[in-house]
């Protein structure tokens, strides 16, 4: 069995921050729902099927918008991106919100 790469302190902090945020898609729909971490796979960013994505290329999504709803990044990506934007667009918005909260010394 291959050794797993140990997460850095910064990676652990990023994953914790994302996990504590509400689901991005639900929040856009006016609902706050507990999220889980979605890793964005993008050949443009050096990851794809079989390649490990960066822990910094992560967005908060509930289980439904992540993997079980008809409109989700894994089951209904086209409709998901029509409604909420591309995963990279969402990543930019999430990163801006994290930065804003840190500047204002909010919880994140």
PDB file of N, CA and C in Angstrom:
ATOM      1  N   UNK A   1       0.844  -1.175   0.000  1.00  0.00           N
ATOM      2  CA  UNK A   1       0.000   0.000   0.000  1.00  0.00           C
ATOM      3  C   UNK A   1       0.890   1.240   0.000  1.00  0.00           C
ATOM      4  N   UNK A   2       0.577   2.194  -0.836  1.00  0.00           N
ATOM      5  CA  UNK A   2       1.381   3.422  -0.942  1.00  0.00           C
ATOM      6  C   UNK A   2       1.197   4.294   0.295  1.00  0.00           C
ATOM      7  N   UNK A   3       2.265   4.991   0.652  1.00  0.00           N
ATOM      8  CA  UNK A   3       2.187   5.908   1.782  1.00  0.00           C
ATOM      9  C   UNK A   3       1.372   7.125   1.391  1.00  0.00           C
ATOM     10  N   UNK A   4       0.496   7.566   2.318  1.00  0.00           N
ATOM     11  CA  UNK A   4      -0.262   8.773   2.067  1.00  0.00           C
ATOM     12  C   UNK A   4       0.595   9.972   2.412  1.00  0.00           C
ATOM     13  N   UNK A   5       0.469  11.014   1.613  1.00  0.00           N
ATOM     14  CA  UNK A   5       1.194  12.247   1.880  1.00  0.00           C
ATOM     15  C   UNK A   5       0.589  12.901   3.119  1.00  0.00           C
ATOM     16  N   UNK A   6       1.434  13.329   4.029  1.00  0.00           N
ATOM     17  CA  UNK A   6       0.973  13.988   5.244  1.00  0.00           C
ATOM     18  C   UNK A   6       0.573  15.422   4.908  1.00  0.00           C
ATOM     19  N   UNK A   7      -0.603  15.835   5.393  1.00  0.00           N
ATOM     20  CA  UNK A   7      -1.071  17.194   5.135  1.00  0.00           C
ATOM     21  C   UNK A   7      -0.240  18.200   5.920  1.00  0.00           C
ATOM     22  N   UNK A   8       0.050  19.333   5.291  1.00  0.00           N
ATOM     23  CA  UNK A   8       0.751  20.418   5.981  1.00  0.00           C
ATOM     24  C   UNK A   8      -0.234  21.133   6.894  1.00  0.00           C
ATOM     25  N   UNK A   9       0.283  21.974   7.771  1.00  0.00           N
ATOM     26  CA  UNK A   9      -0.565  22.757   8.664  1.00  0.00           C
ATOM     27  C   UNK A   9      -1.513  23.634   7.852  1.00  0.00           C
ATOM     28  N   UNK A  10      -0.991  24.259   6.805  1.00  0.00           N
ATOM     29  CA  UNK A  10      -1.818  25.125   5.948  1.00  0.00           C
ATOM     30  C   UNK A  10      -2.925  24.322   5.259  1.00  0.00           C
ATOM     31  N   UNK A  11      -2.618  23.113   4.810  1.00  0.00           N
ATOM     32  CA  UNK A  11      -3.635  22.267   4.168  1.00  0.00           C
ATOM     33  C   UNK A  11      -4.715  21.873   5.172  1.00  0.00           C
ATOM     34  N   UNK A  12      -4.317  21.499   6.374  1.00  0.00           N
ATOM     35  CA  UNK A  12      -5.288  21.139   7.415  1.00  0.00           C
ATOM     36  C   UNK A  12      -6.189  22.319   7.734  1.00  0.00           C
ATOM     37  N   UNK A  13      -5.598  23.517   7.839  1.00  0.00           N
ATOM     38  CA  UNK A  13      -6.382  24.718   8.130  1.00  0.00           C
ATOM     39  C   UNK A  13      -7.371  25.003   6.996  1.00  0.00           C
ATOM     40  N   UNK A  14      -6.929  24.852   5.757  1.00  0.00           N
ATOM     41  CA  UNK A  14      -7.808  25.080   4.608  1.00  0.00           C
ATOM     42  C   UNK A  14      -8.986  24.116   4.644  1.00  0.00           C
ATOM     43  N   UNK A  15      -8.716  22.837   4.840  1.00  0.00           N
ATOM     44  CA  UNK A  15      -9.779  21.832   4.858  1.00  0.00           C
ATOM     45  C   UNK A  15     -10.761  22.089   6.001  1.00  0.00           C
ATOM     46  N   UNK A  16     -10.252  22.494   7.155  1.00  0.00           N
ATOM     47  CA  UNK A  16     -11.118  22.801   8.298  1.00  0.00           C
ATOM     48  C   UNK A  16     -11.998  24.013   7.987  1.00  0.00           C
ATOM     49  N   UNK A  17     -11.407  25.041   7.393  1.00  0.00           N
ATOM     50  CA  UNK A  17     -12.157  26.252   7.039  1.00  0.00           C
ATOM     51  C   UNK A  17     -13.275  25.929   6.057  1.00  0.00           C
ATOM     52  N   UNK A  18     -12.956  25.161   5.019  1.00  0.00           N
ATOM     53  CA  UNK A  18     -13.965  24.792   4.017  1.00  0.00           C
ATOM     54  C   UNK A  18     -15.076  23.966   4.668  1.00  0.00           C
ATOM     55  N   UNK A  19     -14.718  23.029   5.526  1.00  0.00           N
ATOM     56  CA  UNK A  19     -15.712  22.175   6.185  1.00  0.00           C
ATOM     57  C   UNK A  19     -16.639  22.966   7.097  1.00  0.00           C
ATOM     58  N   UNK A  20     -16.167  24.080   7.623  1.00  0.00           N
ATOM     59  CA  UNK A  20     -16.977  24.900   8.529  1.00  0.00           C
ATOM     60  C   UNK A  20     -17.886  25.880   7.788  1.00  0.00           C
ATOM     61  N   UNK A  21     -17.668  26.060   6.486  1.00  0.00           N
ATOM     62  CA  UNK A  21     -18.503  26.961   5.700  1.00  0.00           C
ATOM     63  C   UNK A  21     -19.793  26.247   5.291  1.00  0.00           C
ATOM     64  N   UNK A  22     -20.882  27.023   5.055  1.00  0.00           N
ATOM     65  CA  UNK A  22     -22.089  26.380   4.530  1.00  0.00           C
ATOM     66  C   UNK A  22     -21.888  25.984   3.074  1.00  0.00           C
ATOM     67  N   UNK A  23     -22.726  25.110   2.590  1.00  0.00           N
ATOM     68  CA  UNK A  23     -22.692  24.708   1.181  1.00  0.00           C
ATOM     69  C   UNK A  23     -22.854  25.953   0.313  1.00  0.00           C
ATOM     70  N   UNK A  24     -21.946  26.133  -0.644  1.00  0.00           N
ATOM     71  CA  UNK A  24     -21.990  27.298  -1.516  1.00  0.00           C
ATOM     72  C   UNK A  24     -23.312  27.350  -2.292  1.00  0.00           C
ATOM     73  N   UNK A  25     -23.715  26.237  -2.888  1.00  0.00           N
ATOM     74  CA  UNK A  25     -24.914  26.212  -3.726  1.00  0.00           C
ATOM     75  C   UNK A  25     -26.171  26.464  -2.897  1.00  0.00           C
ATOM     76  N   UNK A  26     -26.301  25.808  -1.768  1.00  0.00           N
ATOM     77  CA  UNK A  26     -27.468  26.026  -0.906  1.00  0.00           C
ATOM     78  C   UNK A  26     -27.527  27.480  -0.456  1.00  0.00           C
ATOM     79  N   UNK A  27     -26.373  28.043  -0.103  1.00  0.00           N
ATOM     80  CA  UNK A  27     -26.316  29.427   0.355  1.00  0.00           C
ATOM     81  C   UNK A  27     -26.805  30.364  -0.741  1.00  0.00           C
ATOM     82  N   UNK A  28     -26.463  30.073  -1.993  1.00  0.00           N
ATOM     83  CA  UNK A  28     -26.944  30.885  -3.113  1.00  0.00           C
ATOM     84  C   UNK A  28     -28.460  30.783  -3.253  1.00  0.00           C
ATOM     85  N   UNK A  29     -29.015  29.656  -2.810  1.00  0.00           N
ATOM     86  CA  UNK A  29     -30.463  29.444  -2.860  1.00  0.00           C
ATOM     87  C   UNK A  29     -31.154  29.945  -1.593  1.00  0.00           C
ATOM     88  N   UNK A  30     -30.394  30.579  -0.675  1.00  0.00           N
ATOM     89  CA  UNK A  30     -30.982  31.160   0.535  1.00  0.00           C
ATOM     90  C   UNK A  30     -31.095  30.225   1.717  1.00  0.00           C
ATOM     91  N   UNK A  31     -30.348  29.119   1.685  1.00  0.00           N
ATOM     92  CA  UNK A  31     -30.396  28.130   2.765  1.00  0.00           C
ATOM     93  C   UNK A  31     -28.980  27.865   3.254  1.00  0.00           C
ATOM     94  N   UNK A  32     -28.803  27.729   4.556  1.00  0.00           N
ATOM     95  CA  UNK A  32     -27.484  27.344   5.088  1.00  0.00           C
ATOM     96  C   UNK A  32     -27.518  25.863   5.419  1.00  0.00           C
ATOM     97  N   UNK A  33     -26.666  25.112   4.761  1.00  0.00           N
ATOM     98  CA  UNK A  33     -26.596  23.660   4.932  1.00  0.00           C
ATOM     99  C   UNK A  33     -25.155  23.264   5.241  1.00  0.00           C
ATOM    100  N   UNK A  34     -24.998  22.300   6.129  1.00  0.00           N
ATOM    101  CA  UNK A  34     -23.672  21.773   6.461  1.00  0.00           C
ATOM    102  C   UNK A  34     -22.984  21.277   5.193  1.00  0.00           C
ATOM    103  N   UNK A  35     -21.710  21.596   5.062  1.00  0.00           N
ATOM    104  CA  UNK A  35     -20.987  21.200   3.850  1.00  0.00           C
ATOM    105  C   UNK A  35     -19.975  20.104   4.117  1.00  0.00           C
ATOM    106  N   UNK A  36     -19.489  19.557   3.032  1.00  0.00           N
ATOM    107  CA  UNK A  36     -18.333  18.683   3.041  1.00  0.00           C
ATOM    108  C   UNK A  36     -17.358  19.251   2.017  1.00  0.00           C
ATOM    109  N   UNK A  37     -16.144  18.806   2.050  1.00  0.00           N
ATOM    110  CA  UNK A  37     -15.100  19.364   1.186  1.00  0.00           C
ATOM    111  C   UNK A  37     -15.137  18.693  -0.186  1.00  0.00           C
ATOM    112  N   UNK A  38     -15.239  19.514  -1.223  1.00  0.00           N
ATOM    113  CA  UNK A  38     -15.154  19.006  -2.600  1.00  0.00           C
ATOM    114  C   UNK A  38     -13.824  19.456  -3.190  1.00  0.00           C
ATOM    115  N   UNK A  39     -13.016  18.504  -3.632  1.00  0.00           N
ATOM    116  CA  UNK A  39     -11.750  18.791  -4.312  1.00  0.00           C
ATOM    117  C   UNK A  39     -12.023  18.948  -5.807  1.00  0.00           C
ATOM    118  N   UNK A  40     -11.596  20.063  -6.358  1.00  0.00           N
ATOM    119  CA  UNK A  40     -11.799  20.332  -7.774  1.00  0.00           C
ATOM    120  C   UNK A  40     -10.731  19.614  -8.588  1.00  0.00           C
ATOM    121  N   UNK A  41     -11.185  18.820  -9.533  1.00  0.00           N
ATOM    122  CA  UNK A  41     -10.258  18.156 -10.452  1.00  0.00           C
ATOM    123  C   UNK A  41     -10.251  18.954 -11.740  1.00  0.00           C
ATOM    124  N   UNK A  42      -9.064  19.417 -12.118  1.00  0.00           N
ATOM    125  CA  UNK A  42      -8.950  20.258 -13.314  1.00  0.00           C
ATOM    126  C   UNK A  42      -7.590  20.033 -13.964  1.00  0.00           C
ATOM    127  N   UNK A  43      -7.621  19.621 -15.216  1.00  0.00           N
ATOM    128  CA  UNK A  43      -6.353  19.429 -15.926  1.00  0.00           C
ATOM    129  C   UNK A  43      -5.593  20.745 -16.021  1.00  0.00           C
ATOM    130  N   UNK A  44      -6.319  21.872 -16.106  1.00  0.00           N
ATOM    131  CA  UNK A  44      -5.679  23.187 -16.161  1.00  0.00           C
ATOM    132  C   UNK A  44      -4.880  23.476 -14.890  1.00  0.00           C
ATOM    133  N   UNK A  45      -5.300  22.876 -13.772  1.00  0.00           N
ATOM    134  CA  UNK A  45      -4.653  23.120 -12.495  1.00  0.00           C
ATOM    135  C   UNK A  45      -3.783  21.936 -12.065  1.00  0.00           C
ATOM    136  N   UNK A  46      -3.553  21.009 -12.983  1.00  0.00           N
ATOM    137  CA  UNK A  46      -2.625  19.913 -12.711  1.00  0.00           C
ATOM    138  C   UNK A  46      -3.228  18.690 -12.056  1.00  0.00           C
ATOM    139  N   UNK A  47      -4.557  18.575 -12.087  1.00  0.00           N
ATOM    140  CA  UNK A  47      -5.168  17.366 -11.540  1.00  0.00           C
ATOM    141  C   UNK A  47      -6.292  16.920 -12.458  1.00  0.00           C
ATOM    142  N   UNK A  48      -6.512  15.663 -12.484  1.00  0.00           N
ATOM    143  CA  UNK A  48      -7.581  15.082 -13.284  1.00  0.00           C
ATOM    144  C   UNK A  48      -7.873  13.715 -12.712  1.00  0.00           C
ATOM    145  N   UNK A  49      -8.534  12.888 -13.446  1.00  0.00           N
ATOM    146  CA  UNK A  49      -8.825  11.546 -12.944  1.00  0.00           C
ATOM    147  C   UNK A  49      -7.503  10.828 -12.662  1.00  0.00           C
ATOM    148  N   UNK A  50      -7.384  10.319 -11.469  1.00  0.00           N
ATOM    149  CA  UNK A  50      -6.176   9.593 -11.083  1.00  0.00           C
ATOM    150  C   UNK A  50      -5.071  10.485 -10.552  1.00  0.00           C
ATOM    151  N   UNK A  51      -5.250  11.802 -10.642  1.00  0.00           N
ATOM    152  CA  UNK A  51      -4.253  12.736 -10.122  1.00  0.00           C
ATOM    153  C   UNK A  51      -4.824  13.449  -8.911  1.00  0.00           C
ATOM    154  N   UNK A  52      -4.038  13.538  -7.874  1.00  0.00           N
ATOM    155  CA  UNK A  52      -4.519  14.129  -6.633  1.00  0.00           C
ATOM    156  C   UNK A  52      -4.653  15.647  -6.765  1.00  0.00           C
ATOM    157  N   UNK A  53      -5.865  16.179  -6.511  1.00  0.00           N
ATOM    158  CA  UNK A  53      -6.022  17.629  -6.553  1.00  0.00           C
ATOM    159  C   UNK A  53      -5.463  18.272  -5.279  1.00  0.00           C
ATOM    160  N   UNK A  54      -5.135  19.532  -5.390  1.00  0.00           N
ATOM    161  CA  UNK A  54      -4.620  20.279  -4.253  1.00  0.00           C
ATOM    162  C   UNK A  54      -5.709  20.469  -3.198  1.00  0.00           C
ATOM    163  N   UNK A  55      -5.311  20.467  -1.925  1.00  0.00           N
ATOM    164  CA  UNK A  55      -6.262  20.745  -0.848  1.00  0.00           C
ATOM    165  C   UNK A  55      -6.685  22.211  -0.866  1.00  0.00           C
ATOM    166  N   UNK A  56      -5.999  23.039  -1.645  1.00  0.00           N
ATOM    167  CA  UNK A  56      -6.361  24.444  -1.765  1.00  0.00           C
ATOM    168  C   UNK A  56      -7.364  24.673  -2.888  1.00  0.00           C
ATOM    169  N   UNK A  57      -7.569  23.673  -3.726  1.00  0.00           N
ATOM    170  CA  UNK A  57      -8.588  23.732  -4.774  1.00  0.00           C
ATOM    171  C   UNK A  57      -9.839  23.032  -4.260  1.00  0.00           C
ATOM    172  N   UNK A  58     -10.415  23.603  -3.209  1.00  0.00           N
ATOM    173  CA  UNK A  58     -11.548  22.991  -2.535  1.00  0.00           C
ATOM    174  C   UNK A  58     -12.661  24.010  -2.345  1.00  0.00           C
ATOM    175  N   UNK A  59     -13.895  23.514  -2.416  1.00  0.00           N
ATOM    176  CA  UNK A  59     -15.062  24.355  -2.180  1.00  0.00           C
ATOM    177  C   UNK A  59     -16.035  23.613  -1.260  1.00  0.00           C
ATOM    178  N   UNK A  60     -16.854  24.370  -0.509  1.00  0.00           N
ATOM    179  CA  UNK A  60     -17.816  23.729   0.393  1.00  0.00           C
ATOM    180  C   UNK A  60     -19.117  23.384  -0.329  1.00  0.00           C
ATOM    181  N   UNK A  61     -19.468  22.120  -0.329  1.00  0.00           N
ATOM    182  CA  UNK A  61     -20.726  21.664  -0.915  1.00  0.00           C
ATOM    183  C   UNK A  61     -21.377  20.655   0.015  1.00  0.00           C
ATOM    184  N   UNK A  62     -22.702  20.701   0.125  1.00  0.00           N
ATOM    185  CA  UNK A  62     -23.411  19.673   0.897  1.00  0.00           C
ATOM    186  C   UNK A  62     -23.317  18.355   0.131  1.00  0.00           C
ATOM    187  N   UNK A  63     -23.704  17.279   0.772  1.00  0.00           N
ATOM    188  CA  UNK A  63     -23.609  15.975   0.105  1.00  0.00           C
ATOM    189  C   UNK A  63     -24.456  15.946  -1.165  1.00  0.00           C
ATOM    190  N   UNK A  64     -25.603  16.620  -1.144  1.00  0.00           N
ATOM    191  CA  UNK A  64     -26.463  16.637  -2.321  1.00  0.00           C
ATOM    192  C   UNK A  64     -25.833  17.343  -3.507  1.00  0.00           C
ATOM    193  N   UNK A  65     -25.332  18.563  -3.289  1.00  0.00           N
ATOM    194  CA  UNK A  65     -24.708  19.307  -4.389  1.00  0.00           C
ATOM    195  C   UNK A  65     -23.330  18.749  -4.748  1.00  0.00           C
ATOM    196  N   UNK A  66     -22.756  17.996  -3.842  1.00  0.00           N
ATOM    197  CA  UNK A  66     -21.457  17.381  -4.109  1.00  0.00           C
ATOM    198  C   UNK A  66     -21.617  16.124  -4.951  1.00  0.00           C
ATOM    199  N   UNK A  67     -22.512  15.212  -4.510  1.00  0.00           N
ATOM    200  CA  UNK A  67     -22.479  13.913  -5.159  1.00  0.00           C
ATOM    201  C   UNK A  67     -23.795  13.169  -5.314  1.00  0.00           C
ATOM    202  N   UNK A  68     -24.918  13.635  -4.701  1.00  0.00           N
ATOM    203  CA  UNK A  68     -26.122  12.798  -4.770  1.00  0.00           C
ATOM    204  C   UNK A  68     -27.317  13.412  -5.487  1.00  0.00           C
ATOM    205  N   UNK A  69     -27.402  14.725  -5.596  1.00  0.00           N
ATOM    206  CA  UNK A  69     -28.542  15.351  -6.282  1.00  0.00           C
ATOM    207  C   UNK A  69     -28.399  15.242  -7.802  1.00  0.00           C
ATOM    208  N   UNK A  70     -29.530  15.389  -8.495  1.00  0.00           N
ATOM    209  CA  UNK A  70     -29.484  15.436  -9.958  1.00  0.00           C
ATOM    210  C   UNK A  70     -28.661  16.632 -10.431  1.00  0.00           C
ATOM    211  N   UNK A  71     -28.709  17.726  -9.664  1.00  0.00           N
ATOM    212  CA  UNK A  71     -27.887  18.900  -9.958  1.00  0.00           C
ATOM    213  C   UNK A  71     -26.759  18.915  -8.931  1.00  0.00           C
ATOM    214  N   UNK A  72     -25.652  18.280  -9.290  1.00  0.00           N
ATOM    215  CA  UNK A  72     -24.481  18.183  -8.409  1.00  0.00           C
ATOM    216  C   UNK A  72     -23.223  18.141  -9.273  1.00  0.00           C
ATOM    217  N   UNK A  73     -22.086  18.366  -8.659  1.00  0.00           N
ATOM    218  CA  UNK A  73     -20.849  18.389  -9.456  1.00  0.00           C
ATOM    219  C   UNK A  73     -20.487  17.019  -9.999  1.00  0.00           C
ATOM    220  N   UNK A  74     -20.980  15.950  -9.373  1.00  0.00           N
ATOM    221  CA  UNK A  74     -20.638  14.616  -9.865  1.00  0.00           C
ATOM    222  C   UNK A  74     -21.727  13.984 -10.731  1.00  0.00           C
ATOM    223  N   UNK A  75     -23.000  14.307 -10.484  1.00  0.00           N
ATOM    224  CA  UNK A  75     -24.076  13.668 -11.254  1.00  0.00           C
ATOM    225  C   UNK A  75     -24.726  14.582 -12.282  1.00  0.00           C
ATOM    226  N   UNK A  76     -24.664  15.870 -12.068  1.00  0.00           N
ATOM    227  CA  UNK A  76     -25.323  16.806 -12.978  1.00  0.00           C
ATOM    228  C   UNK A  76     -24.516  18.074 -13.140  1.00  0.00           C
ATOM    229  N   UNK A  77     -23.267  17.897 -13.558  1.00  0.00           N
ATOM    230  CA  UNK A  77     -22.305  19.001 -13.603  1.00  0.00           C
ATOM    231  C   UNK A  77     -22.756  20.138 -14.525  1.00  0.00           C
ATOM    232  N   UNK A  78     -23.297  19.829 -15.684  1.00  0.00           N
ATOM    233  CA  UNK A  78     -23.694  20.878 -16.629  1.00  0.00           C
ATOM    234  C   UNK A  78     -24.766  21.768 -16.009  1.00  0.00           C
ATOM    235  N   UNK A  79     -25.797  21.150 -15.442  1.00  0.00           N
ATOM    236  CA  UNK A  79     -26.862  21.925 -14.808  1.00  0.00           C
ATOM    237  C   UNK A  79     -26.353  22.660 -13.563  1.00  0.00           C
ATOM    238  N   UNK A  80     -25.478  22.008 -12.810  1.00  0.00           N
ATOM    239  CA  UNK A  80     -24.896  22.653 -11.623  1.00  0.00           C
ATOM    240  C   UNK A  80     -24.165  23.926 -12.027  1.00  0.00           C
ATOM    241  N   UNK A  81     -23.341  23.838 -13.068  1.00  0.00           N
ATOM    242  CA  UNK A  81     -22.548  25.000 -13.484  1.00  0.00           C
ATOM    243  C   UNK A  81     -23.411  26.078 -14.143  1.00  0.00           C
ATOM    244  N   UNK A  82     -24.499  25.704 -14.801  1.00  0.00           N
ATOM    245  CA  UNK A  82     -25.430  26.704 -15.336  1.00  0.00           C
ATOM    246  C   UNK A  82     -26.038  27.518 -14.195  1.00  0.00           C
ATOM    247  N   UNK A  83     -26.382  26.833 -13.123  1.00  0.00           N
ATOM    248  CA  UNK A  83     -27.073  27.474 -12.004  1.00  0.00           C
ATOM    249  C   UNK A  83     -26.123  28.243 -11.080  1.00  0.00           C
ATOM    250  N   UNK A  84     -24.942  27.672 -10.789  1.00  0.00           N
ATOM    251  CA  UNK A  84     -24.075  28.236  -9.748  1.00  0.00           C
ATOM    252  C   UNK A  84     -22.737  28.766 -10.253  1.00  0.00           C
ATOM    253  N   UNK A  85     -22.380  28.490 -11.499  1.00  0.00           N
ATOM    254  CA  UNK A  85     -21.085  28.875 -12.034  1.00  0.00           C
ATOM    255  C   UNK A  85     -20.148  27.678 -12.060  1.00  0.00           C
ATOM    256  N   UNK A  86     -19.016  27.859 -12.731  1.00  0.00           N
ATOM    257  CA  UNK A  86     -18.053  26.766 -12.805  1.00  0.00           C
ATOM    258  C   UNK A  86     -17.399  26.569 -11.435  1.00  0.00           C
ATOM    259  N   UNK A  87     -16.812  25.422 -11.257  1.00  0.00           N
ATOM    260  CA  UNK A  87     -16.142  25.146  -9.979  1.00  0.00           C
ATOM    261  C   UNK A  87     -15.001  26.139  -9.732  1.00  0.00           C
ATOM    262  N   UNK A  88     -14.300  26.533 -10.789  1.00  0.00           N
ATOM    263  CA  UNK A  88     -13.212  27.498 -10.623  1.00  0.00           C
ATOM    264  C   UNK A  88     -13.748  28.890 -10.292  1.00  0.00           C
ATOM    265  N   UNK A  89     -14.908  29.253 -10.839  1.00  0.00           N
ATOM    266  CA  UNK A  89     -15.539  30.528 -10.466  1.00  0.00           C
ATOM    267  C   UNK A  89     -15.959  30.501  -8.999  1.00  0.00           C
ATOM    268  N   UNK A  90     -16.518  29.383  -8.583  1.00  0.00           N
ATOM    269  CA  UNK A  90     -16.917  29.241  -7.177  1.00  0.00           C
ATOM    270  C   UNK A  90     -15.689  29.299  -6.275  1.00  0.00           C
ATOM    271  N   UNK A  91     -14.614  28.644  -6.689  1.00  0.00           N
ATOM    272  CA  UNK A  91     -13.370  28.658  -5.913  1.00  0.00           C
ATOM    273  C   UNK A  91     -12.897  30.092  -5.693  1.00  0.00           C
ATOM    274  N   UNK A  92     -12.921  30.912  -6.742  1.00  0.00           N
ATOM    275  CA  UNK A  92     -12.500  32.310  -6.607  1.00  0.00           C
ATOM    276  C   UNK A  92     -13.371  33.042  -5.599  1.00  0.00           C
ATOM    277  N   UNK A  93     -14.676  32.840  -5.652  1.00  0.00           N
ATOM    278  CA  UNK A  93     -15.603  33.505  -4.720  1.00  0.00           C
ATOM    279  C   UNK A  93     -15.371  33.033  -3.291  1.00  0.00           C
ATOM    280  N   UNK A  94     -15.179  31.735  -3.127  1.00  0.00           N
ATOM    281  CA  UNK A  94     -14.923  31.175  -1.789  1.00  0.00           C
ATOM    282  C   UNK A  94     -13.619  31.740  -1.224  1.00  0.00           C
ATOM    283  N   UNK A  95     -12.586  31.790  -2.052  1.00  0.00           N
ATOM    284  CA  UNK A  95     -11.299  32.330  -1.595  1.00  0.00           C
ATOM    285  C   UNK A  95     -11.421  33.794  -1.196  1.00  0.00           C
ATOM    286  N   UNK A  96     -12.195  34.576  -1.966  1.00  0.00           N
ATOM    287  CA  UNK A  96     -12.407  35.988  -1.614  1.00  0.00           C
ATOM    288  C   UNK A  96     -13.143  36.112  -0.284  1.00  0.00           C
ATOM    289  N   UNK A  97     -14.133  35.259  -0.062  1.00  0.00           N
ATOM    290  CA  UNK A  97     -14.890  35.306   1.187  1.00  0.00           C
ATOM    291  C   UNK A  97     -14.008  34.933   2.381  1.00  0.00           C
ATOM    292  N   UNK A  98     -13.168  33.930   2.215  1.00  0.00           N
ATOM    293  CA  UNK A  98     -12.245  33.545   3.290  1.00  0.00           C
ATOM    294  C   UNK A  98     -11.312  34.707   3.600  1.00  0.00           C
ATOM    295  N   UNK A  99     -10.776  35.336   2.577  1.00  0.00           N
ATOM    296  CA  UNK A  99      -9.872  36.485   2.770  1.00  0.00           C
ATOM    297  C   UNK A  99     -10.597  37.644   3.448  1.00  0.00           C
ATOM    298  N   UNK A 100     -11.825  37.920   3.013  1.00  0.00           N
ATOM    299  CA  UNK A 100     -12.615  39.004   3.618  1.00  0.00           C
ATOM    300  C   UNK A 100     -12.842  38.747   5.103  1.00  0.00           C
ATOM    301  N   UNK A 101     -13.185  37.525   5.433  1.00  0.00           N
ATOM    302  CA  UNK A 101     -13.428  37.174   6.836  1.00  0.00           C
ATOM    303  C   UNK A 101     -12.162  37.314   7.661  1.00  0.00           C
ATOM    304  N   UNK A 102     -11.044  36.902   7.101  1.00  0.00           N
ATOM    305  CA  UNK A 102      -9.776  37.020   7.839  1.00  0.00           C
ATOM    306  C   UNK A 102      -9.390  38.477   8.048  1.00  0.00           C
ATOM    307  N   UNK A 103      -9.598  39.304   7.026  1.00  0.00           N
ATOM    308  CA  UNK A 103      -9.299  40.736   7.149  1.00  0.00           C
ATOM    309  C   UNK A 103     -10.170  41.396   8.200  1.00  0.00           C
ATOM    310  N   UNK A 104     -11.445  40.976   8.279  1.00  0.00           N
ATOM    311  CA  UNK A 104     -12.377  41.529   9.250  1.00  0.00           C
ATOM    312  C   UNK A 104     -12.356  40.793  10.575  1.00  0.00           C
ATOM    313  N   UNK A 105     -11.462  39.825  10.681  1.00  0.00           N
ATOM    314  CA  UNK A 105     -11.307  38.997  11.872  1.00  0.00           C
ATOM    315  C   UNK A 105     -12.606  38.293  12.267  1.00  0.00           C
ATOM    316  N   UNK A 106     -13.332  37.859  11.223  1.00  0.00           N
ATOM    317  CA  UNK A 106     -14.521  37.041  11.452  1.00  0.00           C
ATOM    318  C   UNK A 106     -14.070  35.635  11.839  1.00  0.00           C
ATOM    319  N   UNK A 107     -14.987  34.760  12.032  1.00  0.00           N
ATOM    320  CA  UNK A 107     -14.701  33.408  12.518  1.00  0.00           C
ATOM    321  C   UNK A 107     -13.749  32.639  11.623  1.00  0.00           C
ATOM    322  N   UNK A 108     -13.915  32.735  10.284  1.00  0.00           N
ATOM    323  CA  UNK A 108     -13.074  31.947   9.379  1.00  0.00           C
ATOM    324  C   UNK A 108     -11.677  32.383   9.548  1.00  0.00           C
TER     325      UNK A 108
END
